[in-house]
Amino acid sequence: MLDYKTLDFIADIYTPLLLLALIILMARSIFAAEWPRSRCEFFLLCYGFIVIYGLMLVDQLFSIWPSIGLDYSTHTAAALLVVILLCLLQPSLQKISWGSFLIYALLMRYQHYHTVTDMVSTAIVSGALFIPVAQKFIRVYSE
């Protein structure tokens, strides 16, 4: 079995690698001069980061998660954002994206970063703020 430090390194590079894959996918739109699609993808990425870090700030200011004995998981929110965008922009990546996200969540639990409840509560709240907007923009772009 891999040691804690190695697993920690793997966990640390998961989201940046996902983000790199997303940026490469987004670059296709730029190189193809599909400007409406490029703007949509860029907006959604920025909006997602606003949701993730906005929730983190609100939680730090008002101690929402700690007030119910939980911890807001920025790791979960960031990875979820990128997985959702990958799935919306390239549906053929759904199985591998969600599979990798599940493995990442299990790794976070195994490494004792967060409880399952921390991750699920973060995913529900951040997803509820991000997914409807993302779906709307993707739908408008597709028409």
C-alpha atoms as a PDB file:
ATOM      1  CA  MET A   1       0.000   0.000   0.000  1.00  0.00           C
ATOM      2  CA  LEU A   2       1.180   3.535  -0.748  1.00  0.00           C
ATOM      3  CA  ASP A   3       2.230   5.637   2.232  1.00  0.00           C
ATOM      4  CA  TYR A   4       0.322   8.688   3.484  1.00  0.00           C
ATOM      5  CA  LYS A   5       2.698  11.171   1.830  1.00  0.00           C
ATOM      6  CA  THR A   6       2.351   9.540  -1.601  1.00  0.00           C
ATOM      7  CA  LEU A   7      -1.446   9.400  -1.322  1.00  0.00           C
ATOM      8  CA  ASP A   8      -1.402  13.027  -0.181  1.00  0.00           C
ATOM      9  CA  PHE A   9       0.572  13.955  -3.312  1.00  0.00           C
ATOM     10  CA  ILE A  10      -1.923  12.081  -5.510  1.00  0.00           C
ATOM     11  CA  ALA A  11      -4.804  13.896  -3.821  1.00  0.00           C
ATOM     12  CA  ASP A  12      -3.032  17.234  -4.269  1.00  0.00           C
ATOM     13  CA  ILE A  13      -2.562  16.799  -8.025  1.00  0.00           C
ATOM     14  CA  TYR A  14      -6.029  15.390  -8.803  1.00  0.00           C
ATOM     15  CA  THR A  15      -7.904  18.673  -9.205  1.00  0.00           C
ATOM     16  CA  PRO A  16      -5.078  20.502 -11.027  1.00  0.00           C
ATOM     17  CA  LEU A  17      -4.871  17.598 -13.511  1.00  0.00           C
ATOM     18  CA  LEU A  18      -8.645  17.703 -14.005  1.00  0.00           C
ATOM     19  CA  LEU A  19      -8.431  21.458 -14.504  1.00  0.00           C
ATOM     20  CA  LEU A  20      -5.664  20.992 -17.070  1.00  0.00           C
ATOM     21  CA  ALA A  21      -7.872  18.525 -18.970  1.00  0.00           C
ATOM     22  CA  LEU A  22     -10.710  21.057 -18.877  1.00  0.00           C
ATOM     23  CA  ILE A  23      -8.476  23.872 -20.129  1.00  0.00           C
ATOM     24  CA  ILE A  24      -7.274  21.675 -23.004  1.00  0.00           C
ATOM     25  CA  LEU A  25     -10.906  20.911 -23.839  1.00  0.00           C
ATOM     26  CA  MET A  26     -11.752  24.610 -23.668  1.00  0.00           C
ATOM     27  CA  ALA A  27      -8.776  25.471 -25.889  1.00  0.00           C
ATOM     28  CA  ARG A  28     -10.373  23.478 -28.695  1.00  0.00           C
ATOM     29  CA  SER A  29     -13.146  26.081 -28.863  1.00  0.00           C
ATOM     30  CA  ILE A  30     -10.635  28.894 -29.000  1.00  0.00           C
ATOM     31  CA  PHE A  31      -8.541  27.282 -31.738  1.00  0.00           C
ATOM     32  CA  ALA A  32     -11.695  26.525 -33.726  1.00  0.00           C
ATOM     33  CA  ALA A  33     -12.710  30.196 -33.323  1.00  0.00           C
ATOM     34  CA  GLU A  34     -16.017  29.154 -31.748  1.00  0.00           C
ATOM     35  CA  TRP A  35     -16.249  32.405 -29.797  1.00  0.00           C
ATOM     36  CA  PRO A  36     -19.750  32.005 -28.324  1.00  0.00           C
ATOM     37  CA  ARG A  37     -18.813  28.566 -27.010  1.00  0.00           C
ATOM     38  CA  SER A  38     -15.470  29.869 -25.708  1.00  0.00           C
ATOM     39  CA  ARG A  39     -17.165  32.706 -23.844  1.00  0.00           C
ATOM     40  CA  CYS A  40     -19.727  30.314 -22.373  1.00  0.00           C
ATOM     41  CA  GLU A  41     -17.036  27.902 -21.168  1.00  0.00           C
ATOM     42  CA  PHE A  42     -14.921  30.708 -19.711  1.00  0.00           C
ATOM     43  CA  PHE A  43     -17.946  32.250 -17.971  1.00  0.00           C
ATOM     44  CA  LEU A  44     -18.925  28.911 -16.439  1.00  0.00           C
ATOM     45  CA  LEU A  45     -15.415  28.270 -15.172  1.00  0.00           C
ATOM     46  CA  CYS A  46     -15.256  31.734 -13.590  1.00  0.00           C
ATOM     47  CA  TYR A  47     -18.771  31.404 -12.165  1.00  0.00           C
ATOM     48  CA  GLY A  48     -17.843  28.023 -10.697  1.00  0.00           C
ATOM     49  CA  PHE A  49     -14.803  29.470  -8.938  1.00  0.00           C
ATOM     50  CA  ILE A  50     -16.954  32.310  -7.594  1.00  0.00           C
ATOM     51  CA  VAL A  51     -19.390  29.721  -6.190  1.00  0.00           C
ATOM     52  CA  ILE A  52     -16.623  27.595  -4.632  1.00  0.00           C
ATOM     53  CA  TYR A  53     -14.655  30.395  -3.052  1.00  0.00           C
ATOM     54  CA  GLY A  54     -17.735  32.489  -2.311  1.00  0.00           C
ATOM     55  CA  LEU A  55     -19.139  29.618  -0.265  1.00  0.00           C
ATOM     56  CA  MET A  56     -15.778  29.197   1.438  1.00  0.00           C
ATOM     57  CA  LEU A  57     -15.753  32.908   2.371  1.00  0.00           C
ATOM     58  CA  VAL A  58     -19.351  32.834   3.596  1.00  0.00           C
ATOM     59  CA  ASP A  59     -18.553  29.741   5.656  1.00  0.00           C
ATOM     60  CA  GLN A  60     -15.483  31.409   7.160  1.00  0.00           C
ATOM     61  CA  LEU A  61     -17.442  34.551   8.008  1.00  0.00           C
ATOM     62  CA  PHE A  62     -20.543  32.865   9.409  1.00  0.00           C
ATOM     63  CA  SER A  63     -19.278  29.401  10.439  1.00  0.00           C
ATOM     64  CA  ILE A  64     -22.178  27.684   8.700  1.00  0.00           C
ATOM     65  CA  TRP A  65     -20.630  24.221   8.378  1.00  0.00           C
ATOM     66  CA  PRO A  66     -18.963  24.306  11.822  1.00  0.00           C
ATOM     67  CA  SER A  67     -22.278  25.330  13.416  1.00  0.00           C
ATOM     68  CA  ILE A  68     -23.619  21.894  12.483  1.00  0.00           C
ATOM     69  CA  GLY A  69     -20.399  20.054  13.261  1.00  0.00           C
ATOM     70  CA  LEU A  70     -19.137  19.874   9.681  1.00  0.00           C
ATOM     71  CA  ASP A  71     -16.325  21.269   7.550  1.00  0.00           C
ATOM     72  CA  TYR A  72     -16.805  22.938   4.149  1.00  0.00           C
ATOM     73  CA  SER A  73     -14.717  20.917   1.681  1.00  0.00           C
ATOM     74  CA  THR A  74     -13.119  23.208  -0.866  1.00  0.00           C
ATOM     75  CA  HIS A  75     -11.428  20.093  -2.283  1.00  0.00           C
ATOM     76  CA  THR A  76     -14.819  18.525  -2.998  1.00  0.00           C
ATOM     77  CA  ALA A  77     -16.340  21.714  -4.411  1.00  0.00           C
ATOM     78  CA  ALA A  78     -13.437  22.392  -6.780  1.00  0.00           C
ATOM     79  CA  ALA A  79     -13.225  18.822  -8.062  1.00  0.00           C
ATOM     80  CA  LEU A  80     -17.007  18.674  -8.468  1.00  0.00           C
ATOM     81  CA  LEU A  81     -17.019  21.898 -10.492  1.00  0.00           C
ATOM     82  CA  VAL A  82     -14.421  20.607 -12.929  1.00  0.00           C
ATOM     83  CA  VAL A  83     -16.089  17.191 -13.245  1.00  0.00           C
ATOM     84  CA  ILE A  84     -19.452  18.799 -13.973  1.00  0.00           C
ATOM     85  CA  LEU A  85     -17.909  21.066 -16.613  1.00  0.00           C
ATOM     86  CA  LEU A  86     -16.047  18.175 -18.215  1.00  0.00           C
ATOM     87  CA  CYS A  87     -19.281  16.189 -18.371  1.00  0.00           C
ATOM     88  CA  LEU A  88     -21.314  19.079 -19.787  1.00  0.00           C
ATOM     89  CA  LEU A  89     -18.721  20.050 -22.380  1.00  0.00           C
ATOM     90  CA  GLN A  90     -17.680  16.524 -23.366  1.00  0.00           C
ATOM     91  CA  PRO A  91     -20.423  13.997 -22.498  1.00  0.00           C
ATOM     92  CA  SER A  92     -18.201  11.086 -23.568  1.00  0.00           C
ATOM     93  CA  LEU A  93     -16.070  11.803 -20.467  1.00  0.00           C
ATOM     94  CA  GLN A  94     -18.921  11.262 -18.000  1.00  0.00           C
ATOM     95  CA  LYS A  95     -18.047   7.756 -16.812  1.00  0.00           C
ATOM     96  CA  ILE A  96     -14.345   8.393 -16.335  1.00  0.00           C
ATOM     97  CA  SER A  97     -14.943  11.818 -14.763  1.00  0.00           C
ATOM     98  CA  TRP A  98     -17.489  10.591 -12.216  1.00  0.00           C
ATOM     99  CA  GLY A  99     -15.445   7.457 -11.560  1.00  0.00           C
ATOM    100  CA  SER A 100     -12.336   9.505 -10.837  1.00  0.00           C
ATOM    101  CA  PHE A 101     -14.361  11.836  -8.611  1.00  0.00           C
ATOM    102  CA  LEU A 102     -15.655   8.895  -6.582  1.00  0.00           C
ATOM    103  CA  ILE A 103     -12.120   7.533  -6.174  1.00  0.00           C
ATOM    104  CA  TYR A 104     -10.945  11.009  -5.134  1.00  0.00           C
ATOM    105  CA  ALA A 105     -13.720  11.237  -2.535  1.00  0.00           C
ATOM    106  CA  LEU A 106     -12.742   7.820  -1.184  1.00  0.00           C
ATOM    107  CA  LEU A 107      -9.117   8.962  -1.048  1.00  0.00           C
ATOM    108  CA  MET A 108     -10.087  12.129   0.834  1.00  0.00           C
ATOM    109  CA  ARG A 109     -11.993   9.986   3.313  1.00  0.00           C
ATOM    110  CA  TYR A 110      -9.146   7.466   3.638  1.00  0.00           C
ATOM    111  CA  GLN A 111      -6.664  10.306   4.244  1.00  0.00           C
ATOM    112  CA  HIS A 112      -9.058  11.790   6.849  1.00  0.00           C
ATOM    113  CA  TYR A 113      -9.329  15.129   5.037  1.00  0.00           C
ATOM    114  CA  HIS A 114     -13.109  15.223   5.373  1.00  0.00           C
ATOM    115  CA  THR A 115     -16.009  13.113   6.524  1.00  0.00           C
ATOM    116  CA  VAL A 116     -18.515  11.741   4.053  1.00  0.00           C
ATOM    117  CA  THR A 117     -21.033  14.241   5.447  1.00  0.00           C
ATOM    118  CA  ASP A 118     -18.598  17.135   4.862  1.00  0.00           C
ATOM    119  CA  MET A 119     -18.191  16.095   1.235  1.00  0.00           C
ATOM    120  CA  VAL A 120     -21.863  15.351   0.569  1.00  0.00           C
ATOM    121  CA  SER A 121     -23.093  18.589   2.169  1.00  0.00           C
ATOM    122  CA  THR A 122     -20.524  20.619   0.235  1.00  0.00           C
ATOM    123  CA  ALA A 123     -21.425  18.859  -3.014  1.00  0.00           C
ATOM    124  CA  ILE A 124     -25.151  19.428  -2.501  1.00  0.00           C
ATOM    125  CA  VAL A 125     -24.834  23.143  -1.746  1.00  0.00           C
ATOM    126  CA  SER A 126     -22.173  23.982  -4.340  1.00  0.00           C
ATOM    127  CA  GLY A 127     -23.871  21.792  -6.946  1.00  0.00           C
ATOM    128  CA  ALA A 128     -27.241  23.429  -6.291  1.00  0.00           C
ATOM    129  CA  LEU A 129     -25.707  26.843  -6.955  1.00  0.00           C
ATOM    130  CA  PHE A 130     -23.651  25.800  -9.982  1.00  0.00           C
ATOM    131  CA  ILE A 131     -25.548  23.125 -11.930  1.00  0.00           C
ATOM    132  CA  PRO A 132     -28.730  25.083 -12.818  1.00  0.00           C
ATOM    133  CA  VAL A 133     -26.712  28.033 -14.137  1.00  0.00           C
ATOM    134  CA  ALA A 134     -24.357  25.726 -16.054  1.00  0.00           C
ATOM    135  CA  GLN A 135     -27.251  23.807 -17.602  1.00  0.00           C
ATOM    136  CA  LYS A 136     -28.963  27.049 -18.621  1.00  0.00           C
ATOM    137  CA  PHE A 137     -25.836  28.400 -20.299  1.00  0.00           C
ATOM    138  CA  ILE A 138     -25.091  25.104 -22.035  1.00  0.00           C
ATOM    139  CA  ARG A 139     -28.725  24.901 -23.221  1.00  0.00           C
ATOM    140  CA  VAL A 140     -28.643  28.477 -24.565  1.00  0.00           C
ATOM    141  CA  TYR A 141     -25.298  27.842 -26.268  1.00  0.00           C
ATOM    142  CA  SER A 142     -26.607  24.623 -27.871  1.00  0.00           C
ATOM    143  CA  GLU A 143     -29.621  26.316 -29.460  1.00  0.00           C
END
